[in-house]
Protein backbone atom coordinates (compact mmCIF):
# COMPACT_ATOMS: atom_id res chain seq x y z
CA MET A 1 106.61 98.27 55.91
CA ASP A 2 109.36 100.87 56.09
CA GLY A 3 107.84 102.21 59.30
CA ILE A 4 108.72 99.09 61.32
CA ARG A 5 112.20 98.37 59.97
CA PHE A 6 114.06 99.40 63.10
CA SER A 7 116.90 96.94 62.52
CA GLU A 8 118.18 94.41 60.05
CA ASN A 9 117.71 90.73 61.06
CA VAL A 10 117.68 91.63 64.78
CA PRO A 11 114.59 91.12 66.98
CA VAL A 12 113.21 94.42 68.22
CA LEU A 13 109.62 93.62 69.28
CA HIS A 14 108.89 92.43 72.77
CA ASP A 15 105.96 91.99 75.09
CA GLY A 16 104.28 95.24 76.04
CA MET A 17 105.37 97.08 72.87
CA ILE A 18 102.53 98.69 70.84
CA VAL A 19 102.82 99.72 67.16
CA THR A 20 100.19 102.16 65.86
CA TYR A 21 99.45 103.38 62.34
CA ASP A 22 97.98 106.88 61.92
CA LEU A 23 96.52 108.32 58.73
CA PRO A 24 97.23 111.96 58.03
CA ASP A 25 94.41 114.28 59.06
CA TRP A 26 91.73 114.43 56.39
CA GLY A 27 88.40 116.03 55.56
CA TYR A 28 85.44 115.77 53.18
CA LEU A 29 84.44 117.66 50.04
CA ASP A 30 80.87 117.64 48.71
CA ALA A 31 80.42 119.35 45.34
CA THR A 32 77.72 119.57 42.66
CA VAL A 33 78.34 120.42 39.01
CA VAL A 34 75.32 121.97 37.25
CA ASP A 35 74.48 124.13 34.23
CA LYS A 36 74.32 127.79 35.25
CA ASN A 37 71.42 128.43 32.84
CA ASP A 38 68.94 125.74 33.83
CA GLY A 39 70.42 124.25 37.01
CA LEU A 40 70.50 120.71 35.59
CA PRO A 41 73.39 118.33 36.41
CA VAL A 42 76.32 118.24 33.99
CA SER A 43 77.30 114.67 33.18
CA GLY A 44 80.78 113.79 31.93
CA ALA A 45 82.55 116.81 33.45
CA LYS A 46 86.20 116.29 34.42
CA VAL A 47 86.84 117.42 38.02
CA SER A 48 90.50 117.78 39.06
CA PHE A 49 92.02 118.51 42.50
CA THR A 50 95.45 120.11 42.90
CA ASP A 51 97.44 121.22 45.95
CA LYS A 52 100.73 123.09 46.23
CA ASN A 53 102.58 120.04 44.93
CA GLY A 54 100.41 119.52 41.84
CA LEU A 55 97.63 117.15 40.78
CA VAL A 56 96.18 115.01 43.55
CA GLU A 57 93.42 113.21 41.64
CA SER A 58 90.68 113.69 39.05
CA VAL A 59 87.19 112.20 38.66
CA THR A 60 84.33 112.39 36.12
CA THR A 61 80.75 113.31 37.01
CA ASN A 62 77.85 110.97 36.34
CA GLY A 63 74.26 111.92 35.58
CA THR A 64 73.73 113.38 39.06
CA GLY A 65 76.62 115.87 38.82
CA VAL A 66 77.53 115.03 42.44
CA VAL A 67 81.18 114.74 43.61
CA HIS A 68 82.09 113.40 47.09
CA ARG A 69 85.79 113.05 48.02
CA GLN A 70 87.93 112.33 51.10
CA LEU A 71 91.18 114.32 50.94
CA PRO A 72 94.13 115.00 53.27
CA VAL A 73 94.12 118.30 55.18
CA ALA A 74 95.48 120.96 52.80
CA GLY A 75 94.52 123.82 50.55
CA TYR A 76 93.13 122.83 47.14
CA THR A 77 91.93 124.14 43.78
CA MET A 78 89.06 122.26 42.13
CA THR A 79 88.97 122.68 38.34
CA VAL A 80 85.87 121.65 36.35
CA GLU A 81 85.99 121.10 32.58
CA ALA A 82 83.14 120.00 30.27
CA PRO A 83 82.54 120.22 26.48
CA ASN A 84 80.81 123.46 25.41
CA TYR A 85 81.17 124.95 28.92
CA VAL A 86 83.52 127.60 30.31
CA THR A 87 86.10 125.96 32.62
CA GLY A 88 85.54 126.82 36.27
CA SER A 89 88.08 126.93 39.17
CA TYR A 90 87.17 126.86 42.87
CA ASP A 91 89.53 127.15 45.88
CA PHE A 92 88.79 125.43 49.18
CA THR A 93 90.66 124.38 52.32
CA LEU A 94 90.42 121.39 54.62
CA ASP A 95 92.21 122.77 57.70
CA LYS A 96 91.61 120.07 60.32
CA LEU A 97 90.55 116.50 60.85
CA PHE A 98 86.99 115.86 59.67
CA ALA A 99 86.75 119.29 58.12
CA LYS A 100 83.99 119.69 55.50
CA ALA A 101 83.86 121.85 52.40
CA THR A 102 80.95 122.41 50.02
CA ILE A 103 81.17 123.75 46.45
CA ASP A 104 78.27 124.57 44.11
CA ALA A 105 79.95 124.62 40.69
CA ARG A 106 77.75 126.34 38.10
CA LEU A 107 79.23 126.12 34.61
CA SER A 108 78.53 128.83 32.06
CA THR A 109 77.57 128.16 28.45
CA GLY A 110 75.81 129.94 25.62
CA VAL A 111 72.21 129.13 24.57
CA ALA A 112 71.38 129.96 20.96
CA GLY A 113 67.98 131.08 19.73
CA LEU A 114 67.23 131.35 16.01
CA GLN A 115 64.46 133.07 14.07
CA VAL A 116 64.38 133.02 10.26
CA SER A 117 62.18 134.62 7.66
CA GLY A 118 62.30 134.18 3.92
CA LEU A 119 65.22 131.74 3.89
CA ASP A 120 63.21 128.70 2.74
CA ALA A 121 63.05 129.29 -0.99
CA VAL A 122 63.63 127.47 -4.26
CA MET A 123 65.37 129.62 -6.89
CA GLY A 124 66.54 129.02 -10.40
CA THR A 125 69.73 130.06 -12.15
CA ASP A 126 70.55 133.79 -11.83
CA GLN A 127 67.70 134.35 -9.37
CA ASN A 128 68.29 136.19 -6.08
CA GLY A 129 66.42 136.17 -2.81
CA VAL A 130 66.41 138.12 0.44
CA GLY A 131 65.81 136.71 3.89
CA SER A 132 66.54 137.52 7.51
CA LEU A 133 68.12 135.56 10.33
CA THR A 134 68.07 136.64 13.97
CA LEU A 135 70.44 134.84 16.34
CA THR A 136 70.10 135.43 20.09
CA ASN A 137 72.07 134.20 23.11
CA THR A 138 70.08 133.70 26.31
CA GLY A 139 72.89 131.80 28.00
CA SER A 140 75.57 132.77 30.50
CA ALA A 141 78.63 132.71 28.23
CA PRO A 142 79.62 134.10 24.80
CA LEU A 143 78.37 132.14 21.79
CA THR A 144 80.20 131.31 18.57
CA TYR A 145 78.47 130.09 15.41
CA ASP A 146 79.10 129.16 11.79
CA LEU A 147 76.85 130.13 8.89
CA GLY A 148 76.90 128.13 5.68
CA GLU A 149 74.88 126.26 3.07
CA ALA A 150 73.63 122.68 3.29
CA ALA A 151 75.39 120.36 0.86
CA ARG A 152 73.58 119.38 -2.32
CA HIS A 153 72.73 115.77 -2.93
CA PRO A 154 75.88 114.34 -4.60
CA GLU A 155 73.88 112.84 -7.47
CA LEU A 156 72.77 116.33 -8.51
CA ASP A 157 76.34 117.09 -9.52
CA ALA A 158 77.23 113.66 -10.85
CA ALA A 159 78.73 113.38 -14.31
CA GLY A 160 76.04 112.86 -16.90
CA ALA A 161 73.20 113.93 -14.57
CA THR A 162 70.05 114.82 -16.45
CA THR A 163 67.22 117.20 -15.68
CA ARG A 164 63.75 115.79 -16.01
CA ALA A 165 61.76 119.02 -16.21
CA GLY A 166 61.66 121.10 -19.39
CA LYS A 167 62.05 124.89 -19.51
CA GLY A 168 59.01 126.94 -20.44
CA ALA A 169 58.38 127.23 -24.16
CA ASP A 170 61.28 124.87 -24.91
CA SER A 171 59.33 121.97 -23.41
CA THR A 172 57.52 119.85 -25.98
CA ILE A 173 55.11 117.43 -24.34
CA ASP A 174 53.14 114.81 -26.24
CA LEU A 175 49.79 115.30 -24.49
CA LYS A 176 48.18 112.68 -26.71
CA ALA A 177 50.62 110.09 -25.41
CA TRP A 178 50.03 111.30 -21.84
CA LYS A 179 46.26 110.87 -22.14
CA ALA A 180 46.42 107.55 -23.97
CA GLY A 181 49.20 106.01 -21.93
CA ALA A 182 47.01 103.17 -20.65
CA SER A 183 45.72 102.19 -24.07
CA GLY A 184 46.55 98.55 -24.74
CA MET A 185 48.49 98.30 -21.48
CA LYS A 186 48.71 94.79 -20.07
CA ARG A 187 48.21 94.46 -16.33
CA SER A 188 51.26 93.54 -14.30
CA ASN A 189 51.70 90.07 -12.84
CA VAL A 190 50.52 88.80 -9.52
CA ASP A 191 53.75 87.47 -8.04
CA GLY A 192 56.41 87.66 -10.72
CA LYS A 193 56.08 84.00 -11.68
CA ALA A 194 53.79 84.59 -14.63
CA ALA A 195 54.93 85.86 -18.02
CA LYS A 196 56.61 89.26 -17.81
CA VAL A 197 55.24 92.07 -19.95
CA SER A 198 58.52 93.97 -20.08
CA ALA A 199 62.10 93.91 -18.87
CA ALA A 200 61.31 96.66 -16.35
CA GLU A 201 58.42 94.69 -14.90
CA ALA A 202 60.53 91.55 -14.74
CA LYS A 203 63.12 93.47 -12.76
CA ALA A 204 60.44 94.74 -10.38
CA ALA A 205 59.08 91.25 -9.87
CA ASP A 206 62.54 89.86 -9.20
CA LYS A 207 63.16 92.47 -6.51
CA VAL A 208 59.92 91.59 -4.72
CA GLY A 209 60.58 88.37 -2.83
CA ALA A 210 58.06 86.11 -1.18
CA THR A 211 58.45 87.73 2.24
CA SER A 212 60.60 90.80 1.62
CA GLY A 213 59.38 94.15 2.91
CA GLY A 214 60.24 97.22 4.94
CA ASP A 215 59.71 97.12 8.70
CA VAL A 216 56.56 98.75 10.06
CA ILE A 217 57.73 101.50 12.42
CA THR A 218 54.33 102.51 13.76
CA ARG A 219 50.63 102.18 12.96
CA ILE A 220 47.92 104.83 13.17
CA GLU A 221 44.49 103.43 13.91
CA ILE A 222 41.70 105.31 12.10
CA PRO A 223 38.51 105.42 14.21
CA GLY A 224 35.48 103.49 13.00
CA THR A 225 34.70 100.14 11.44
CA ILE A 226 35.94 99.01 8.04
CA ALA A 227 32.55 99.92 6.58
CA GLU A 228 32.71 103.40 8.09
CA LYS A 229 36.16 104.45 6.95
CA GLU A 230 38.18 104.40 3.77
CA PRO A 231 41.55 106.24 3.98
CA SER A 232 42.55 107.09 0.43
CA GLY A 233 45.21 109.79 0.73
CA ILE A 234 48.09 110.66 3.04
CA GLY A 235 50.15 113.85 3.51
CA TYR A 236 53.02 114.74 5.85
CA ASP A 237 54.16 118.04 7.37
CA GLY A 238 55.57 116.75 10.64
CA ASP A 239 52.07 115.42 11.35
CA VAL A 240 50.37 112.75 9.24
CA TRP A 241 47.29 113.92 7.31
CA VAL A 242 44.78 111.22 6.36
CA HIS A 243 41.93 111.65 3.88
CA ASP A 244 38.73 109.69 4.53
CA TYR A 245 37.17 108.91 1.15
CA ASN A 246 33.72 108.29 2.62
CA ALA A 247 33.57 111.22 5.05
CA LYS A 248 35.32 113.61 2.61
CA THR A 249 37.54 114.92 5.40
CA ASN A 250 41.26 115.49 6.00
CA THR A 251 42.40 114.71 9.57
CA ALA A 252 45.85 115.43 11.06
CA TYR A 253 47.48 112.93 13.44
CA THR A 254 50.80 113.01 15.24
CA VAL A 255 53.33 110.39 14.13
CA THR A 256 52.30 108.35 17.18
CA GLY A 257 48.65 108.34 16.09
CA LYS A 258 47.17 111.03 18.35
CA ARG A 259 44.64 113.45 16.85
CA THR A 260 45.89 117.03 16.61
CA GLY A 261 42.36 118.47 16.52
CA LYS A 262 42.56 119.45 12.84
CA VAL A 263 39.68 117.91 10.88
CA PHE A 264 38.78 119.76 7.68
CA ASP A 265 36.16 119.27 4.99
CA ALA A 266 37.66 118.15 1.67
CA SER A 267 34.64 118.40 -0.65
CA TRP A 268 36.58 120.30 -3.29
CA ASN A 269 34.23 119.11 -6.01
CA PRO A 270 30.83 118.19 -4.53
CA ALA A 271 30.27 115.57 -7.21
CA TYR A 272 33.54 113.75 -6.49
CA ARG A 273 35.95 112.79 -3.69
CA ALA A 274 39.73 113.30 -3.18
CA PHE A 275 42.93 111.27 -2.97
CA ASP A 276 46.64 111.86 -2.28
CA MET A 277 48.16 114.88 -0.47
CA ALA A 278 51.57 116.59 -0.60
CA LEU A 279 53.05 119.57 1.28
CA ASP A 280 54.08 122.51 -0.94
CA THR A 281 57.00 123.82 1.16
CA LYS A 282 57.31 126.94 -0.97
CA THR A 283 53.83 128.20 -0.07
CA GLY A 284 53.29 126.23 3.14
CA ASP A 285 50.00 124.82 1.83
CA MET A 286 48.93 121.20 1.84
CA CYS A 287 47.80 120.19 -1.65
CA GLN A 288 45.45 117.36 -2.62
CA MET A 289 44.47 115.53 -5.81
CA GLU A 290 40.79 115.68 -6.72
CA ASP A 291 39.14 112.37 -7.64
CA SER A 292 37.41 113.27 -10.89
CA PRO A 293 37.97 113.09 -14.66
CA ALA A 294 39.50 116.59 -14.34
CA SER A 295 41.95 115.77 -11.52
CA TYR A 296 42.56 119.31 -10.29
CA ILE A 297 45.04 119.85 -7.46
CA HIS A 298 43.49 121.76 -4.55
CA CYS A 299 45.79 123.48 -2.05
CA PHE A 300 44.56 124.51 1.40
CA ASP A 301 45.69 126.38 4.51
CA ARG A 302 46.81 123.85 7.14
CA GLU A 303 45.47 125.96 10.01
CA THR A 304 42.00 126.68 8.63
CA GLY A 305 41.44 124.04 5.94
CA LYS A 306 40.35 126.77 3.50
CA GLU A 307 41.28 126.35 -0.15
CA THR A 308 44.05 128.75 -1.26
CA ARG A 309 44.41 127.86 -4.95
CA GLN A 310 43.80 125.28 -7.67
CA ILE A 311 46.39 123.81 -10.01
CA LYS A 312 45.24 122.54 -13.40
CA GLY A 313 46.49 122.27 -16.95
CA ASP A 314 46.41 120.26 -20.16
CA TRP A 315 47.43 117.22 -18.11
CA SER A 316 44.32 117.33 -15.89
CA THR A 317 41.91 115.68 -18.35
CA LEU A 318 41.83 112.16 -16.87
CA GLN A 319 41.51 110.64 -13.42
CA LEU A 320 44.74 110.83 -11.41
CA THR A 321 45.22 109.71 -7.81
CA GLY A 322 48.86 110.16 -6.81
CA LEU A 323 50.48 113.44 -5.78
CA ALA A 324 54.00 114.27 -4.49
CA TYR A 325 56.12 117.42 -4.26
CA ASN A 326 59.84 117.99 -4.91
CA PRO A 327 60.94 121.12 -2.97
CA ALA A 328 64.36 121.34 -4.65
CA GLU A 329 62.80 121.67 -8.12
CA ASP A 330 59.44 123.16 -7.04
CA VAL A 331 57.53 120.59 -9.06
CA PHE A 332 54.64 118.24 -8.36
CA TYR A 333 54.61 114.62 -9.44
CA VAL A 334 51.20 113.33 -10.53
CA GLY A 335 50.09 109.87 -11.60
CA GLY A 336 47.31 107.34 -11.78
CA ARG A 337 46.13 104.07 -13.24
CA ALA A 338 44.14 105.82 -15.95
CA ASN A 339 47.31 106.20 -17.99
CA GLY A 340 49.90 104.30 -15.94
CA LEU A 341 52.34 107.23 -16.07
CA ILE A 342 54.03 109.68 -13.67
CA GLY A 343 54.12 113.31 -14.80
CA THR A 344 55.95 116.43 -13.61
CA VAL A 345 53.92 119.64 -13.11
CA ALA A 346 55.55 123.06 -12.62
CA GLY A 347 55.21 124.75 -9.22
CA THR A 348 54.59 128.40 -8.38
CA SER A 349 58.17 129.60 -9.00
CA HIS A 350 58.07 128.54 -12.67
CA ASP A 351 57.03 130.96 -15.40
CA ASN A 352 54.64 128.28 -16.65
CA ALA A 353 53.26 127.21 -13.26
CA GLY A 354 50.82 124.33 -13.58
CA ALA A 355 52.23 123.13 -16.93
CA LEU A 356 53.11 119.51 -17.60
CA LEU A 357 56.90 119.51 -17.97
CA SER A 358 57.52 115.83 -18.68
CA PHE A 359 56.31 112.29 -17.93
CA CYS A 360 57.65 108.74 -17.82
CA ALA A 361 56.36 105.18 -17.48
CA PRO A 362 57.10 103.35 -14.20
CA PRO A 363 57.69 99.56 -14.09
CA LEU A 364 54.14 98.69 -12.96
CA PRO A 365 51.27 100.73 -14.44
CA GLU A 366 48.69 100.63 -11.62
CA VAL A 367 49.93 103.88 -10.07
CA MET A 368 47.97 104.88 -6.95
CA GLY A 369 49.79 106.85 -4.22
CA LEU A 370 52.96 108.89 -4.82
CA ALA A 371 55.66 110.22 -2.48
CA TYR A 372 59.01 111.96 -3.00
CA ASN A 373 62.07 111.69 -0.75
CA GLN A 374 64.58 114.52 -1.11
CA ALA A 375 67.44 112.70 0.65
CA SER A 376 67.53 109.90 -1.91
CA ASP A 377 65.99 111.95 -4.77
CA THR A 378 63.54 109.16 -5.57
CA ILE A 379 59.80 108.74 -6.08
CA TRP A 380 57.92 106.07 -4.16
CA TYR A 381 54.60 104.75 -5.39
CA THR A 382 52.08 101.99 -4.75
CA ASP A 383 50.47 99.92 -7.52
CA LEU A 384 46.84 99.38 -6.56
CA THR A 385 45.24 96.08 -7.59
CA SER A 386 42.46 93.98 -6.12
CA ASP A 387 43.66 90.50 -7.05
CA ARG A 388 47.18 90.44 -5.57
CA PRO A 389 49.18 92.11 -2.78
CA THR A 390 50.09 95.74 -3.33
CA ARG A 391 53.74 96.63 -3.94
CA LEU A 392 55.81 99.63 -2.87
CA LEU A 393 58.15 100.72 -5.65
CA GLN A 394 61.03 103.22 -5.60
CA VAL A 395 61.88 104.83 -8.95
CA ASP A 396 64.21 107.44 -10.38
CA PRO A 397 62.28 110.67 -11.11
CA ASP A 398 64.32 111.28 -14.27
CA ASP A 399 63.09 108.25 -16.20
CA CYS A 400 60.96 106.16 -13.77
CA SER A 401 63.56 103.39 -13.81
CA LEU A 402 63.28 100.97 -10.90
CA VAL A 403 65.47 101.48 -7.82
CA ASN A 404 63.85 99.04 -5.39
CA ALA A 405 60.57 97.31 -4.58
CA TRP A 406 58.80 95.68 -1.62
CA TRP A 407 55.49 94.11 -0.84
CA PHE A 408 53.09 96.24 1.15
CA PRO A 409 53.56 95.28 4.86
CA GLY A 410 51.57 92.13 5.49
CA GLN A 411 51.18 91.57 1.71
CA LYS A 412 47.75 93.21 1.66
CA VAL A 413 45.73 94.14 -1.41
CA GLY A 414 44.07 97.43 -2.28
CA GLN A 415 46.53 99.74 -0.55
CA GLY A 416 47.27 103.36 -1.35
CA GLY A 417 50.41 105.31 -0.51
CA GLY A 418 51.82 108.30 1.23
CA PRO A 419 54.73 110.62 1.94
CA ARG A 420 58.33 109.97 2.94
CA ASP A 421 60.12 111.76 5.75
CA ARG A 422 63.78 112.89 5.67
CA ARG A 423 64.99 109.51 6.82
CA ASP A 424 63.17 107.88 3.89
CA ARG A 425 60.48 106.37 6.08
CA GLY A 426 57.00 106.37 4.58
CA ALA A 427 53.32 106.12 5.36
CA VAL A 428 50.91 103.82 3.55
CA GLY A 429 47.20 103.32 3.85
CA GLY A 430 44.29 101.46 2.32
CA GLY A 431 42.53 103.15 -0.55
CA PRO A 432 39.44 102.55 -2.69
CA ASP A 433 39.69 100.38 -5.78
CA ARG A 434 37.79 102.61 -8.22
CA ARG A 435 37.99 101.07 -11.68
């Protein structure tokens, strides 16, 4: 209004007078902000415009990386800032009315590439290892990095923490008790309402509500009719391996249920079948429990399906079905309904590889499938029965004490078990009820 204050309280307008308003001369800027390495738009970049008097305005890019502005005629500097990118500055001038300027802002950043060899190892006290790490930068700017160790699980350093596995000759295992564990064992209840056989079982029953259970994240459909298929073992290495008890094969699926093309024969013992699987991260082999009175563990190459080694010991003298692997301790966990126990077997880094290091009794004795989750340092197992819904139980590997329990999704009977991923999500599948 200041432009028309020609006088104070005195009429100044009259017929024939014209008042015009003129904007200062202006022009247009069209700019794009992209990654110099791949040419993709940079979202969230701060774009500032300054002239000789200082900051004029600033905007933020969206997912297109496009900036369109109308600015008064002047000389400008456009500054572009974005996290993990080198700040860029671009000068331009709008020298007349309707002038146009175009800027292609390509921000530089580093792109790291990493190759490792020999760094994935489990070592005991006073042991040393050698590995290599190659770090490359294929980007357009210098790269900085930090090298360190992943934190241990806090419970490993907790006061009073115990170690389940024994040490070589110092380990004294009662093999008679291991073999006769199921002798006189009373079957666990159907729904927790009947008489409890022990305080541990009562606790398990109390934790399993009428409808409680973990959410089903995804389902993998196994081809064939119910009569044609019988999945009895599951393994995980990024893909989900499923053992077909009838076909005696191990088939790999993606986590979304697509076949990977890997279908391998699993007739380790021609007279018997096979059960649970677990990935031995130290050797890279997938290992599987044999379904026989001997219960050998057979490990095989995941690319060819060929057997690489067998694991057996004084513990493998009765039928076992469950198998899991603890990479931090390099031990296998084995178990089955024949004795209702979960045992620890030494891995390849132990002086007494294949030896039974210890065992404990879980809350419910019908042990079928086993899985180990490193993030929570717990064992998961299913108790296989034919006259009530199967349960999923989470136990402490030190003493098999109960941590949590759920019904199998849908409260189905006759289910097996499978592995856990790093986010403590698991796979479960139906298995045969071999009594």
